[in-house]
Each structure stands twice: as structure tokens, then as C-alpha cells.
Amino acid sequence: MKHKLLPLSETMHYILLALREPRHGYAVMQEIEKMSNGDVILAAGTLYGAIENLNKHGWIEPVGSSGRRRIYHITDEGREVLKTEQQRLQHILSLYEGSE
């Protein structure tokens, strides 16, 4: 799978991972902070720009709303992207093994 957004940025990775469950933007920010043990704290502008991009590419989609907040969820294509990236990263990590 070749795509101009690949390899994924750390931000995009975290957003796609967070959206394996339907969430609105603020909940995505909280989940990313939790997943990264506080190492990744996204500014709202960064998050919403990335969400717009991921939505435009069909990797996430709006699935409803909670008041004014739109709720997004990863699409099948988004899951494929994550799987491709997981395999790429596992390969890179495997290159570290035995090099100590």
C-alpha cells in the first residue's frame, strides 16, 4: 500500500489507534495522552487538522455526534493502514534484535 501519508506520523498513528473506538476530538486527545503515558499531548489545532486529513482520505469517518461534538471511528481502510504500518514497524524493530 503506497500513499502520500505513509509512513504515518506519530500523531496520525495515535489518532487512528484511539479511534478504534468511536470518540469525539476531546476524548481522542485524552486517550492519546493516556496511551502515550503523558508523552504526547496534542494541541486542538493539530488534532482537528489531522482528523480532517484522515477523514478526507477515508481512514476515519463521522459516526454521530454528542451535542456539538462530532464522533469519529476508524474505517476498514484505516484499519488496513494501521496493519500495514504495524508490519513495517515490526520489521524495523526486528532489525534491532541481536544488534546489542
N, C-alpha and C. Protein backbone atom coordinates (compact mmCIF):
# COMPACT_ATOMS: atom_id res chain seq x y z
N MET A 1 0.85 -1.18 0.00
CA MET A 1 0.00 0.00 0.00
C MET A 1 0.89 1.25 0.00
N LYS A 2 0.84 1.99 -1.08
CA LYS A 2 1.60 3.24 -1.17
C LYS A 2 0.61 4.40 -1.06
N HIS A 3 0.97 5.36 -0.26
CA HIS A 3 0.09 6.51 -0.04
C HIS A 3 0.94 7.68 0.41
N LYS A 4 0.52 8.87 0.05
CA LYS A 4 1.36 10.03 0.40
C LYS A 4 1.43 10.28 1.91
N LEU A 5 0.47 9.75 2.69
CA LEU A 5 0.51 9.94 4.14
C LEU A 5 1.32 8.85 4.85
N LEU A 6 1.85 7.90 4.07
CA LEU A 6 2.64 6.83 4.69
C LEU A 6 4.13 7.11 4.52
N PRO A 7 4.99 6.79 5.46
CA PRO A 7 4.63 6.23 6.76
C PRO A 7 3.88 7.25 7.61
N LEU A 8 3.05 6.75 8.51
CA LEU A 8 2.25 7.63 9.36
C LEU A 8 3.12 8.42 10.33
N SER A 9 2.71 9.64 10.58
CA SER A 9 3.36 10.42 11.64
C SER A 9 2.92 9.83 12.98
N GLU A 10 3.64 10.15 14.01
CA GLU A 10 3.27 9.68 15.35
C GLU A 10 1.85 10.13 15.70
N THR A 11 1.52 11.36 15.37
CA THR A 11 0.19 11.90 15.64
C THR A 11 -0.89 11.08 14.96
N MET A 12 -0.71 10.81 13.66
CA MET A 12 -1.70 10.05 12.90
C MET A 12 -1.85 8.64 13.47
N HIS A 13 -0.73 8.03 13.83
CA HIS A 13 -0.75 6.70 14.45
C HIS A 13 -1.65 6.71 15.67
N TYR A 14 -1.37 7.63 16.58
CA TYR A 14 -2.13 7.69 17.82
C TYR A 14 -3.61 7.95 17.57
N ILE A 15 -3.93 8.84 16.64
CA ILE A 15 -5.34 9.14 16.37
C ILE A 15 -6.06 7.90 15.83
N LEU A 16 -5.44 7.21 14.86
CA LEU A 16 -6.07 6.01 14.32
C LEU A 16 -6.24 4.95 15.42
N LEU A 17 -5.24 4.79 16.26
CA LEU A 17 -5.34 3.82 17.35
C LEU A 17 -6.46 4.21 18.32
N ALA A 18 -6.55 5.50 18.64
CA ALA A 18 -7.59 5.97 19.56
C ALA A 18 -8.99 5.78 18.98
N LEU A 19 -9.09 5.87 17.65
CA LEU A 19 -10.41 5.79 17.01
C LEU A 19 -10.83 4.37 16.66
N ARG A 20 -10.13 3.38 17.21
CA ARG A 20 -10.64 2.01 17.09
C ARG A 20 -11.94 1.89 17.87
N GLU A 21 -12.18 2.85 18.76
CA GLU A 21 -13.48 3.01 19.43
C GLU A 21 -14.00 4.39 19.04
N PRO A 22 -15.31 4.52 18.80
CA PRO A 22 -15.85 5.84 18.44
C PRO A 22 -15.58 6.87 19.54
N ARG A 23 -15.04 8.01 19.14
CA ARG A 23 -14.74 9.07 20.10
C ARG A 23 -14.87 10.43 19.43
N HIS A 24 -15.12 11.46 20.24
CA HIS A 24 -15.06 12.84 19.75
C HIS A 24 -13.65 13.37 20.03
N GLY A 25 -13.33 14.50 19.44
CA GLY A 25 -11.99 15.05 19.49
C GLY A 25 -11.37 15.14 20.86
N TYR A 26 -12.12 15.68 21.82
CA TYR A 26 -11.55 15.84 23.16
C TYR A 26 -11.23 14.48 23.78
N ALA A 27 -12.11 13.50 23.57
CA ALA A 27 -11.87 12.15 24.09
C ALA A 27 -10.64 11.52 23.41
N VAL A 28 -10.43 11.84 22.12
CA VAL A 28 -9.25 11.36 21.40
C VAL A 28 -7.99 11.93 22.05
N MET A 29 -8.01 13.23 22.36
CA MET A 29 -6.87 13.88 23.00
C MET A 29 -6.55 13.21 24.34
N GLN A 30 -7.59 12.93 25.13
CA GLN A 30 -7.40 12.29 26.43
C GLN A 30 -6.83 10.88 26.28
N GLU A 31 -7.37 10.12 25.31
CA GLU A 31 -6.93 8.74 25.10
C GLU A 31 -5.47 8.71 24.65
N ILE A 32 -5.08 9.64 23.78
CA ILE A 32 -3.70 9.68 23.29
C ILE A 32 -2.74 10.01 24.44
N GLU A 33 -3.14 10.94 25.29
CA GLU A 33 -2.31 11.28 26.44
C GLU A 33 -2.14 10.04 27.33
N LYS A 34 -3.22 9.28 27.51
CA LYS A 34 -3.17 8.06 28.34
C LYS A 34 -2.31 6.98 27.67
N MET A 35 -2.53 6.74 26.36
CA MET A 35 -1.78 5.70 25.63
C MET A 35 -0.28 5.98 25.64
N SER A 36 0.08 7.26 25.57
CA SER A 36 1.50 7.64 25.46
C SER A 36 2.13 7.91 26.82
N ASN A 37 1.41 7.58 27.90
CA ASN A 37 1.89 7.85 29.26
C ASN A 37 2.24 9.32 29.45
N GLY A 38 1.45 10.20 28.84
CA GLY A 38 1.65 11.64 29.00
C GLY A 38 2.72 12.24 28.12
N ASP A 39 3.36 11.43 27.26
CA ASP A 39 4.43 11.94 26.40
C ASP A 39 3.89 12.72 25.20
N VAL A 40 2.68 12.38 24.75
CA VAL A 40 2.11 13.06 23.58
C VAL A 40 0.85 13.80 24.02
N ILE A 41 0.94 15.12 23.96
CA ILE A 41 -0.22 15.96 24.29
C ILE A 41 -0.48 16.81 23.06
N LEU A 42 -1.61 16.53 22.41
CA LEU A 42 -1.92 17.21 21.15
C LEU A 42 -2.65 18.52 21.40
N ALA A 43 -2.25 19.54 20.68
CA ALA A 43 -2.99 20.80 20.67
C ALA A 43 -4.25 20.57 19.84
N ALA A 44 -5.32 21.28 20.17
CA ALA A 44 -6.59 21.11 19.46
C ALA A 44 -6.42 21.32 17.96
N GLY A 45 -5.67 22.34 17.58
CA GLY A 45 -5.48 22.63 16.15
C GLY A 45 -4.80 21.49 15.42
N THR A 46 -3.80 20.89 16.05
CA THR A 46 -3.09 19.74 15.46
C THR A 46 -4.05 18.58 15.30
N LEU A 47 -4.81 18.30 16.37
CA LEU A 47 -5.74 17.18 16.35
C LEU A 47 -6.78 17.35 15.25
N TYR A 48 -7.42 18.52 15.21
CA TYR A 48 -8.52 18.70 14.26
C TYR A 48 -8.02 18.76 12.82
N GLY A 49 -6.82 19.28 12.61
CA GLY A 49 -6.22 19.25 11.27
C GLY A 49 -5.98 17.82 10.82
N ALA A 50 -5.46 17.00 11.73
CA ALA A 50 -5.19 15.59 11.41
C ALA A 50 -6.49 14.82 11.19
N ILE A 51 -7.50 15.08 12.02
CA ILE A 51 -8.80 14.42 11.86
C ILE A 51 -9.39 14.76 10.49
N GLU A 52 -9.28 16.02 10.11
CA GLU A 52 -9.79 16.45 8.80
C GLU A 52 -9.08 15.68 7.67
N ASN A 53 -7.77 15.59 7.79
CA ASN A 53 -6.96 14.88 6.81
C ASN A 53 -7.33 13.39 6.73
N LEU A 54 -7.43 12.74 7.88
CA LEU A 54 -7.77 11.32 7.94
C LEU A 54 -9.16 11.07 7.39
N ASN A 55 -10.07 11.98 7.68
CA ASN A 55 -11.44 11.87 7.18
C ASN A 55 -11.47 12.02 5.66
N LYS A 56 -10.72 13.00 5.16
CA LYS A 56 -10.64 13.26 3.72
C LYS A 56 -10.11 12.04 2.97
N HIS A 57 -9.18 11.31 3.59
CA HIS A 57 -8.60 10.13 2.95
C HIS A 57 -9.41 8.86 3.19
N GLY A 58 -10.51 8.99 3.94
CA GLY A 58 -11.39 7.84 4.15
C GLY A 58 -10.88 6.85 5.18
N TRP A 59 -9.95 7.27 6.04
CA TRP A 59 -9.40 6.36 7.05
C TRP A 59 -10.19 6.42 8.35
N ILE A 60 -10.93 7.52 8.55
CA ILE A 60 -11.88 7.63 9.65
C ILE A 60 -13.15 8.24 9.07
N GLU A 61 -14.25 8.14 9.81
CA GLU A 61 -15.49 8.74 9.34
C GLU A 61 -16.32 9.18 10.54
N PRO A 62 -17.13 10.23 10.33
CA PRO A 62 -18.04 10.64 11.40
C PRO A 62 -19.13 9.58 11.56
N VAL A 63 -19.43 9.24 12.80
CA VAL A 63 -20.46 8.21 13.03
C VAL A 63 -21.59 8.72 13.92
N GLY A 64 -21.60 10.02 14.18
CA GLY A 64 -22.65 10.59 15.00
C GLY A 64 -22.15 11.84 15.68
N SER A 65 -22.91 12.31 16.64
CA SER A 65 -22.47 13.48 17.38
C SER A 65 -23.01 13.43 18.79
N SER A 66 -22.34 14.17 19.65
CA SER A 66 -22.74 14.31 21.04
C SER A 66 -22.81 15.80 21.29
N GLY A 67 -24.00 16.34 21.21
CA GLY A 67 -24.14 17.80 21.26
C GLY A 67 -23.51 18.38 20.01
N ARG A 68 -22.56 19.30 20.19
CA ARG A 68 -21.87 19.89 19.04
C ARG A 68 -20.66 19.07 18.63
N ARG A 69 -20.29 18.08 19.42
CA ARG A 69 -19.08 17.29 19.14
C ARG A 69 -19.37 16.18 18.14
N ARG A 70 -18.56 16.13 17.08
CA ARG A 70 -18.68 15.04 16.12
C ARG A 70 -17.90 13.83 16.62
N ILE A 71 -18.48 12.67 16.47
CA ILE A 71 -17.84 11.43 16.89
C ILE A 71 -17.32 10.72 15.66
N TYR A 72 -16.06 10.30 15.72
CA TYR A 72 -15.40 9.62 14.60
C TYR A 72 -15.04 8.19 14.96
N HIS A 73 -14.88 7.39 13.93
CA HIS A 73 -14.47 5.99 14.10
C HIS A 73 -13.60 5.59 12.92
N ILE A 74 -12.66 4.69 13.16
CA ILE A 74 -11.77 4.22 12.09
C ILE A 74 -12.58 3.41 11.06
N THR A 75 -12.21 3.52 9.79
CA THR A 75 -12.87 2.75 8.73
C THR A 75 -12.06 1.48 8.46
N ASP A 76 -12.60 0.60 7.62
CA ASP A 76 -11.86 -0.61 7.25
C ASP A 76 -10.53 -0.24 6.58
N GLU A 77 -10.58 0.79 5.75
CA GLU A 77 -9.34 1.24 5.09
C GLU A 77 -8.33 1.74 6.12
N GLY A 78 -8.82 2.45 7.12
CA GLY A 78 -7.96 2.93 8.21
C GLY A 78 -7.33 1.76 8.96
N ARG A 79 -8.09 0.71 9.16
CA ARG A 79 -7.55 -0.48 9.83
C ARG A 79 -6.45 -1.13 8.99
N GLU A 80 -6.66 -1.14 7.66
CA GLU A 80 -5.64 -1.68 6.75
C GLU A 80 -4.35 -0.87 6.85
N VAL A 81 -4.49 0.45 6.93
CA VAL A 81 -3.34 1.34 7.06
C VAL A 81 -2.59 1.01 8.35
N LEU A 82 -3.32 0.86 9.45
CA LEU A 82 -2.67 0.52 10.73
C LEU A 82 -1.95 -0.82 10.64
N LYS A 83 -2.57 -1.79 9.98
CA LYS A 83 -1.96 -3.12 9.84
C LYS A 83 -0.67 -3.04 9.03
N THR A 84 -0.70 -2.27 7.94
CA THR A 84 0.48 -2.07 7.10
C THR A 84 1.60 -1.42 7.91
N GLU A 85 1.25 -0.39 8.67
CA GLU A 85 2.24 0.32 9.49
C GLU A 85 2.77 -0.57 10.60
N GLN A 86 1.92 -1.40 11.19
CA GLN A 86 2.36 -2.31 12.24
C GLN A 86 3.41 -3.27 11.69
N GLN A 87 3.15 -3.81 10.50
CA GLN A 87 4.09 -4.73 9.88
C GLN A 87 5.41 -4.03 9.57
N ARG A 88 5.34 -2.80 9.08
CA ARG A 88 6.55 -2.03 8.77
C ARG A 88 7.37 -1.80 10.04
N LEU A 89 6.69 -1.40 11.11
CA LEU A 89 7.40 -1.12 12.36
C LEU A 89 7.95 -2.40 12.99
N GLN A 90 7.20 -3.49 12.89
CA GLN A 90 7.71 -4.77 13.43
C GLN A 90 8.97 -5.19 12.69
N HIS A 91 9.00 -4.96 11.38
CA HIS A 91 10.19 -5.28 10.60
C HIS A 91 11.38 -4.45 11.08
N ILE A 92 11.15 -3.15 11.25
CA ILE A 92 12.22 -2.27 11.72
C ILE A 92 12.71 -2.72 13.10
N LEU A 93 11.77 -3.02 14.00
CA LEU A 93 12.16 -3.48 15.34
C LEU A 93 12.94 -4.77 15.28
N SER A 94 12.59 -5.65 14.35
CA SER A 94 13.30 -6.94 14.23
C SER A 94 14.75 -6.72 13.86
N LEU A 95 15.07 -5.61 13.20
CA LEU A 95 16.44 -5.31 12.81
C LEU A 95 17.30 -4.95 14.02
N TYR A 96 16.67 -4.53 15.10
CA TYR A 96 17.40 -4.20 16.32
C TYR A 96 17.82 -5.45 17.07
N GLU A 97 17.03 -6.51 16.91
CA GLU A 97 17.28 -7.73 17.68
C GLU A 97 18.63 -8.32 17.29
N GLY A 98 19.39 -8.68 18.29
CA GLY A 98 20.70 -9.27 18.05
C GLY A 98 21.79 -8.26 17.70
N SER A 99 21.45 -6.96 17.71
CA SER A 99 22.48 -5.97 17.35
C SER A 99 23.08 -5.33 18.61
N GLU A 100 22.68 -5.84 19.78
CA GLU A 100 23.20 -5.25 21.03
C GLU A 100 24.62 -5.73 21.26
